[in-house]
Amino acid sequence: MLIEQADRWLFGILNSRLANPLLDDLMVFLTSGNLSGHILALIILFMIVQRGRSGLFPLILALVAVGLSDYTASGVLKPLVARVRPCFVLEHVRLLIDQSRSWSFASSHAANMSAVATTVWIFFRRGPLIERTFTWITIAYAILVAFSRVYVGVHYPGDVLAGMMIGAIWASIVYLAFSWVMKNFLHRPLAEGGGDGAA
């Protein structure tokens, strides 16, 4: 299949031809939650410190989007598609981390970080300079995490692209659902109550 061949060809480029000792260390750091997890903690801290109590809204929506994205990628698509990871089926793969025998499509790492980055983009992209900077740093971090999954040898490029789409879609759906609930069930009664009082 042409798409499968292209996916394998691109995997070979990103996993082997771009190999560099400095990139090796960086990608292992980014792809390992126990090493780079504090970056997510900093993202959460920024939301709370920058926006105060209102920062809880994007945080909660991001967590909901991450949960839905992770379930879609790992709970639905991985067993449904049953794609074997490249490190277990291709020759000469540079496997830089320990990897259990689990399915490859779609990347839950990419899905989860994309959900976070999309939520941050929705809420912070139009704020002051510090929030706009924070938005682009978060997006860059999500892209690097997705790329790291290919570089360390555990996912095809198609896996991470699908994961990123899943995260972005779920984050958008969660935000739209939240906005609809706010508009139709919270703001409307308040507006109607205010109108009665003014009369």
C-alpha atoms as a PDB file:
ATOM      1  CA  MET A   1       0.000   0.000   0.000  1.00  0.00           C
ATOM      2  CA  LEU A   2       1.419   3.381  -1.034  1.00  0.00           C
ATOM      3  CA  ILE A   3       0.541   5.183   2.217  1.00  0.00           C
ATOM      4  CA  GLU A   4       2.124   2.414   4.288  1.00  0.00           C
ATOM      5  CA  GLN A   5       5.295   2.524   2.186  1.00  0.00           C
ATOM      6  CA  ALA A   6       5.510   6.300   2.505  1.00  0.00           C
ATOM      7  CA  ASP A   7       5.025   6.020   6.257  1.00  0.00           C
ATOM      8  CA  ARG A   8       7.862   3.500   6.541  1.00  0.00           C
ATOM      9  CA  TRP A   9      10.116   5.577   4.284  1.00  0.00           C
ATOM     10  CA  LEU A  10       9.561   8.710   6.351  1.00  0.00           C
ATOM     11  CA  PHE A  11      10.070   6.733   9.549  1.00  0.00           C
ATOM     12  CA  GLY A  12      13.481   5.622   8.284  1.00  0.00           C
ATOM     13  CA  ILE A  13      14.493   9.215   7.647  1.00  0.00           C
ATOM     14  CA  LEU A  14      13.342  10.542  11.013  1.00  0.00           C
ATOM     15  CA  ASN A  15      14.552   7.572  13.035  1.00  0.00           C
ATOM     16  CA  SER A  16      17.912   6.887  11.400  1.00  0.00           C
ATOM     17  CA  ARG A  17      19.118   9.563   9.020  1.00  0.00           C
ATOM     18  CA  LEU A  18      18.583  12.379  11.487  1.00  0.00           C
ATOM     19  CA  ALA A  19      20.442  10.497  14.215  1.00  0.00           C
ATOM     20  CA  ASN A  20      22.565  12.741  16.403  1.00  0.00           C
ATOM     21  CA  PRO A  21      23.908  12.208  19.948  1.00  0.00           C
ATOM     22  CA  LEU A  22      22.471  15.519  21.156  1.00  0.00           C
ATOM     23  CA  LEU A  23      19.088  14.748  19.585  1.00  0.00           C
ATOM     24  CA  ASP A  24      19.177  11.287  21.158  1.00  0.00           C
ATOM     25  CA  ASP A  25      19.363  12.746  24.658  1.00  0.00           C
ATOM     26  CA  LEU A  26      16.762  15.432  23.954  1.00  0.00           C
ATOM     27  CA  MET A  27      14.247  13.047  22.371  1.00  0.00           C
ATOM     28  CA  VAL A  28      14.578  10.474  25.145  1.00  0.00           C
ATOM     29  CA  PHE A  29      14.018  13.287  27.644  1.00  0.00           C
ATOM     30  CA  LEU A  30      10.928  14.572  25.818  1.00  0.00           C
ATOM     31  CA  THR A  31       9.368  11.167  25.223  1.00  0.00           C
ATOM     32  CA  SER A  32       9.756   9.947  28.824  1.00  0.00           C
ATOM     33  CA  GLY A  33       7.057  11.226  31.140  1.00  0.00           C
ATOM     34  CA  ASN A  34       9.156  10.540  34.235  1.00  0.00           C
ATOM     35  CA  LEU A  35      11.838  12.875  32.844  1.00  0.00           C
ATOM     36  CA  SER A  36       9.852  15.701  31.244  1.00  0.00           C
ATOM     37  CA  GLY A  37       6.647  15.479  33.280  1.00  0.00           C
ATOM     38  CA  HIS A  38       7.599  18.608  35.204  1.00  0.00           C
ATOM     39  CA  ILE A  39       7.085  20.588  31.967  1.00  0.00           C
ATOM     40  CA  LEU A  40       3.394  19.679  32.122  1.00  0.00           C
ATOM     41  CA  ALA A  41       3.409  20.740  35.762  1.00  0.00           C
ATOM     42  CA  LEU A  42       4.787  24.136  34.686  1.00  0.00           C
ATOM     43  CA  ILE A  43       2.027  24.449  32.063  1.00  0.00           C
ATOM     44  CA  ILE A  44      -0.595  23.789  34.738  1.00  0.00           C
ATOM     45  CA  LEU A  45       1.092  26.214  37.136  1.00  0.00           C
ATOM     46  CA  PHE A  46       1.143  28.943  34.489  1.00  0.00           C
ATOM     47  CA  MET A  47      -2.601  28.563  33.862  1.00  0.00           C
ATOM     48  CA  ILE A  48      -3.375  28.940  37.563  1.00  0.00           C
ATOM     49  CA  VAL A  49      -0.916  31.752  38.323  1.00  0.00           C
ATOM     50  CA  GLN A  50      -1.675  33.769  35.189  1.00  0.00           C
ATOM     51  CA  ARG A  51      -5.468  33.536  35.281  1.00  0.00           C
ATOM     52  CA  GLY A  52      -6.157  32.772  38.935  1.00  0.00           C
ATOM     53  CA  ARG A  53      -9.443  30.961  39.542  1.00  0.00           C
ATOM     54  CA  SER A  54     -10.497  31.441  35.920  1.00  0.00           C
ATOM     55  CA  GLY A  55      -7.414  29.422  34.957  1.00  0.00           C
ATOM     56  CA  LEU A  56      -9.203  26.366  36.323  1.00  0.00           C
ATOM     57  CA  PHE A  57     -11.565  26.374  33.329  1.00  0.00           C
ATOM     58  CA  PRO A  58      -8.925  25.736  30.631  1.00  0.00           C
ATOM     59  CA  LEU A  59      -7.182  23.326  32.985  1.00  0.00           C
ATOM     60  CA  ILE A  60     -10.317  21.242  33.561  1.00  0.00           C
ATOM     61  CA  LEU A  61     -11.207  21.283  29.861  1.00  0.00           C
ATOM     62  CA  ALA A  62      -7.663  20.223  28.967  1.00  0.00           C
ATOM     63  CA  LEU A  63      -7.867  17.298  31.387  1.00  0.00           C
ATOM     64  CA  VAL A  64     -11.218  16.200  29.934  1.00  0.00           C
ATOM     65  CA  ALA A  65      -9.838  16.479  26.390  1.00  0.00           C
ATOM     66  CA  VAL A  66      -6.741  14.479  27.380  1.00  0.00           C
ATOM     67  CA  GLY A  67      -8.897  11.739  28.881  1.00  0.00           C
ATOM     68  CA  LEU A  68     -11.040  11.467  25.756  1.00  0.00           C
ATOM     69  CA  SER A  69      -8.017  11.632  23.459  1.00  0.00           C
ATOM     70  CA  ASP A  70      -6.139   8.966  25.388  1.00  0.00           C
ATOM     71  CA  TYR A  71      -9.145   6.652  25.380  1.00  0.00           C
ATOM     72  CA  THR A  72      -9.704   7.163  21.647  1.00  0.00           C
ATOM     73  CA  ALA A  73      -6.065   6.495  20.771  1.00  0.00           C
ATOM     74  CA  SER A  74      -5.290   3.702  23.223  1.00  0.00           C
ATOM     75  CA  GLY A  75      -8.674   2.243  24.124  1.00  0.00           C
ATOM     76  CA  VAL A  76     -10.332   2.293  20.690  1.00  0.00           C
ATOM     77  CA  LEU A  77      -7.933   2.700  17.779  1.00  0.00           C
ATOM     78  CA  LYS A  78      -4.943   0.676  18.978  1.00  0.00           C
ATOM     79  CA  PRO A  79      -6.841  -2.611  19.438  1.00  0.00           C
ATOM     80  CA  LEU A  80      -9.055  -1.863  16.423  1.00  0.00           C
ATOM     81  CA  VAL A  81      -6.231  -1.160  13.959  1.00  0.00           C
ATOM     82  CA  ALA A  82      -3.718  -3.508  15.648  1.00  0.00           C
ATOM     83  CA  ARG A  83      -0.701  -1.989  13.939  1.00  0.00           C
ATOM     84  CA  VAL A  84       2.616  -3.414  15.126  1.00  0.00           C
ATOM     85  CA  ARG A  85       5.152  -0.856  16.297  1.00  0.00           C
ATOM     86  CA  PRO A  86       8.038  -0.227  13.882  1.00  0.00           C
ATOM     87  CA  CYS A  87      10.617  -1.322  16.444  1.00  0.00           C
ATOM     88  CA  PHE A  88       9.131  -4.830  16.398  1.00  0.00           C
ATOM     89  CA  VAL A  89       8.638  -5.269  12.659  1.00  0.00           C
ATOM     90  CA  LEU A  90      11.290  -3.266  10.802  1.00  0.00           C
ATOM     91  CA  GLU A  91      15.001  -3.942  10.552  1.00  0.00           C
ATOM     92  CA  HIS A  92      17.713  -1.542  11.699  1.00  0.00           C
ATOM     93  CA  VAL A  93      15.411   0.533  13.892  1.00  0.00           C
ATOM     94  CA  ARG A  94      17.135   2.747  16.446  1.00  0.00           C
ATOM     95  CA  LEU A  95      15.141   1.925  19.587  1.00  0.00           C
ATOM     96  CA  LEU A  96      16.250   4.355  22.280  1.00  0.00           C
ATOM     97  CA  ILE A  97      13.824   3.443  25.070  1.00  0.00           C
ATOM     98  CA  ASP A  98      12.325   0.337  26.602  1.00  0.00           C
ATOM     99  CA  GLN A  99       9.062  -0.455  24.867  1.00  0.00           C
ATOM    100  CA  SER A 100       6.427  -3.017  25.778  1.00  0.00           C
ATOM    101  CA  ARG A 101       4.549  -5.047  23.182  1.00  0.00           C
ATOM    102  CA  SER A 102       1.604  -2.753  22.547  1.00  0.00           C
ATOM    103  CA  TRP A 103      -0.017  -1.467  19.376  1.00  0.00           C
ATOM    104  CA  SER A 104       1.228   1.541  17.457  1.00  0.00           C
ATOM    105  CA  PHE A 105      -1.743   3.400  15.910  1.00  0.00           C
ATOM    106  CA  ALA A 106      -2.509   5.987  17.123  1.00  0.00           C
ATOM    107  CA  SER A 107       0.055   7.659  19.366  1.00  0.00           C
ATOM    108  CA  SER A 108      -1.500   8.492  22.718  1.00  0.00           C
ATOM    109  CA  HIS A 109       1.485  10.700  23.596  1.00  0.00           C
ATOM    110  CA  ALA A 110       0.811  12.837  20.519  1.00  0.00           C
ATOM    111  CA  ALA A 111      -2.950  12.820  21.145  1.00  0.00           C
ATOM    112  CA  ASN A 112      -2.646  13.907  24.767  1.00  0.00           C
ATOM    113  CA  MET A 113      -0.145  16.690  24.156  1.00  0.00           C
ATOM    114  CA  SER A 114      -2.111  17.917  21.160  1.00  0.00           C
ATOM    115  CA  ALA A 115      -5.212  18.127  23.357  1.00  0.00           C
ATOM    116  CA  VAL A 116      -3.300  20.237  25.876  1.00  0.00           C
ATOM    117  CA  ALA A 117      -1.743  22.470  23.211  1.00  0.00           C
ATOM    118  CA  THR A 118      -5.061  23.014  21.429  1.00  0.00           C
ATOM    119  CA  THR A 119      -6.795  23.975  24.681  1.00  0.00           C
ATOM    120  CA  VAL A 120      -3.995  26.398  25.486  1.00  0.00           C
ATOM    121  CA  TRP A 121      -4.268  27.869  21.981  1.00  0.00           C
ATOM    122  CA  ILE A 122      -8.029  28.358  22.355  1.00  0.00           C
ATOM    123  CA  PHE A 123      -7.773  30.187  25.677  1.00  0.00           C
ATOM    124  CA  PHE A 124      -4.423  31.996  25.625  1.00  0.00           C
ATOM    125  CA  ARG A 125      -3.539  32.889  22.015  1.00  0.00           C
ATOM    126  CA  ARG A 126      -5.212  36.316  22.160  1.00  0.00           C
ATOM    127  CA  GLY A 127      -3.956  37.337  25.571  1.00  0.00           C
ATOM    128  CA  PRO A 128      -1.002  39.574  26.465  1.00  0.00           C
ATOM    129  CA  LEU A 129       2.485  38.829  25.151  1.00  0.00           C
ATOM    130  CA  ILE A 130       3.335  36.443  27.974  1.00  0.00           C
ATOM    131  CA  GLU A 131       0.250  34.330  27.210  1.00  0.00           C
ATOM    132  CA  ARG A 132       0.898  34.342  23.462  1.00  0.00           C
ATOM    133  CA  THR A 133       4.482  33.266  24.139  1.00  0.00           C
ATOM    134  CA  PHE A 134       3.238  30.552  26.479  1.00  0.00           C
ATOM    135  CA  THR A 135       0.861  29.352  23.755  1.00  0.00           C
ATOM    136  CA  TRP A 136       3.584  28.935  21.137  1.00  0.00           C
ATOM    137  CA  ILE A 137       5.964  27.282  23.612  1.00  0.00           C
ATOM    138  CA  THR A 138       3.249  24.753  24.495  1.00  0.00           C
ATOM    139  CA  ILE A 139       2.545  24.063  20.816  1.00  0.00           C
ATOM    140  CA  ALA A 140       6.266  23.621  20.126  1.00  0.00           C
ATOM    141  CA  TYR A 141       6.549  21.243  23.074  1.00  0.00           C
ATOM    142  CA  ALA A 142       3.607  19.169  21.821  1.00  0.00           C
ATOM    143  CA  ILE A 143       5.143  18.931  18.330  1.00  0.00           C
ATOM    144  CA  LEU A 144       8.521  17.902  19.756  1.00  0.00           C
ATOM    145  CA  VAL A 145       6.921  15.222  21.939  1.00  0.00           C
ATOM    146  CA  ALA A 146       5.114  13.840  18.886  1.00  0.00           C
ATOM    147  CA  PHE A 147       8.322  13.897  16.838  1.00  0.00           C
ATOM    148  CA  SER A 148      10.231  12.187  19.646  1.00  0.00           C
ATOM    149  CA  ARG A 149       7.966   9.145  19.400  1.00  0.00           C
ATOM    150  CA  VAL A 150       9.187   8.555  15.850  1.00  0.00           C
ATOM    151  CA  TYR A 151      12.784   9.458  16.592  1.00  0.00           C
ATOM    152  CA  VAL A 152      13.101   6.966  19.465  1.00  0.00           C
ATOM    153  CA  GLY A 153      11.660   4.214  17.271  1.00  0.00           C
ATOM    154  CA  VAL A 154       8.251   3.403  18.753  1.00  0.00           C
ATOM    155  CA  HIS A 155       5.812   5.067  16.310  1.00  0.00           C
ATOM    156  CA  TYR A 156       5.409   5.718  12.606  1.00  0.00           C
ATOM    157  CA  PRO A 157       4.869   9.328  11.465  1.00  0.00           C
ATOM    158  CA  GLY A 158       1.283   8.401  10.577  1.00  0.00           C
ATOM    159  CA  ASP A 159       0.699   7.306  14.163  1.00  0.00           C
ATOM    160  CA  VAL A 160       1.694  10.673  15.593  1.00  0.00           C
ATOM    161  CA  LEU A 161      -0.125  12.681  12.934  1.00  0.00           C
ATOM    162  CA  ALA A 162      -3.307  10.758  13.707  1.00  0.00           C
ATOM    163  CA  GLY A 163      -2.724  11.279  17.423  1.00  0.00           C
ATOM    164  CA  MET A 164      -2.285  15.018  16.962  1.00  0.00           C
ATOM    165  CA  MET A 165      -5.518  15.199  14.984  1.00  0.00           C
ATOM    166  CA  ILE A 166      -7.367  13.242  17.659  1.00  0.00           C
ATOM    167  CA  GLY A 167      -6.145  15.588  20.394  1.00  0.00           C
ATOM    168  CA  ALA A 168      -6.991  18.731  18.438  1.00  0.00           C
ATOM    169  CA  ILE A 169     -10.457  17.453  17.545  1.00  0.00           C
ATOM    170  CA  TRP A 170     -11.343  16.407  21.083  1.00  0.00           C
ATOM    171  CA  ALA A 171     -10.058  19.652  22.579  1.00  0.00           C
ATOM    172  CA  SER A 172     -12.192  21.605  20.104  1.00  0.00           C
ATOM    173  CA  ILE A 173     -15.282  19.476  20.807  1.00  0.00           C
ATOM    174  CA  VAL A 174     -14.853  19.815  24.581  1.00  0.00           C
ATOM    175  CA  TYR A 175     -14.477  23.599  24.292  1.00  0.00           C
ATOM    176  CA  LEU A 176     -17.513  23.946  22.003  1.00  0.00           C
ATOM    177  CA  ALA A 177     -19.602  21.756  24.321  1.00  0.00           C
ATOM    178  CA  PHE A 178     -18.497  23.817  27.327  1.00  0.00           C
ATOM    179  CA  SER A 179     -19.323  27.063  25.497  1.00  0.00           C
ATOM    180  CA  TRP A 180     -22.753  25.746  24.516  1.00  0.00           C
ATOM    181  CA  VAL A 181     -23.556  24.737  28.092  1.00  0.00           C
ATOM    182  CA  MET A 182     -22.389  28.108  29.404  1.00  0.00           C
ATOM    183  CA  LYS A 183     -24.482  29.975  26.851  1.00  0.00           C
ATOM    184  CA  ASN A 184     -27.669  27.937  27.129  1.00  0.00           C
ATOM    185  CA  PHE A 185     -27.797  26.830  30.753  1.00  0.00           C
ATOM    186  CA  LEU A 186     -25.757  29.317  32.778  1.00  0.00           C
ATOM    187  CA  HIS A 187     -25.654  32.700  31.089  1.00  0.00           C
ATOM    188  CA  ARG A 188     -29.266  32.653  29.877  1.00  0.00           C
ATOM    189  CA  PRO A 189     -30.897  32.189  33.320  1.00  0.00           C
ATOM    190  CA  LEU A 190     -28.648  34.928  34.706  1.00  0.00           C
ATOM    191  CA  ALA A 191     -29.605  37.262  31.863  1.00  0.00           C
ATOM    192  CA  GLU A 192     -33.318  36.479  32.307  1.00  0.00           C
ATOM    193  CA  GLY A 193     -33.061  37.014  36.055  1.00  0.00           C
ATOM    194  CA  GLY A 194     -31.314  40.321  35.506  1.00  0.00           C
ATOM    195  CA  GLY A 195     -34.054  41.407  33.108  1.00  0.00           C
ATOM    196  CA  ASP A 196     -36.783  40.639  35.651  1.00  0.00           C
ATOM    197  CA  GLY A 197     -34.970  42.618  38.286  1.00  0.00           C
ATOM    198  CA  ALA A 198     -34.549  45.625  36.020  1.00  0.00           C
ATOM    199  CA  ALA A 199     -38.274  45.617  35.200  1.00  0.00           C
END
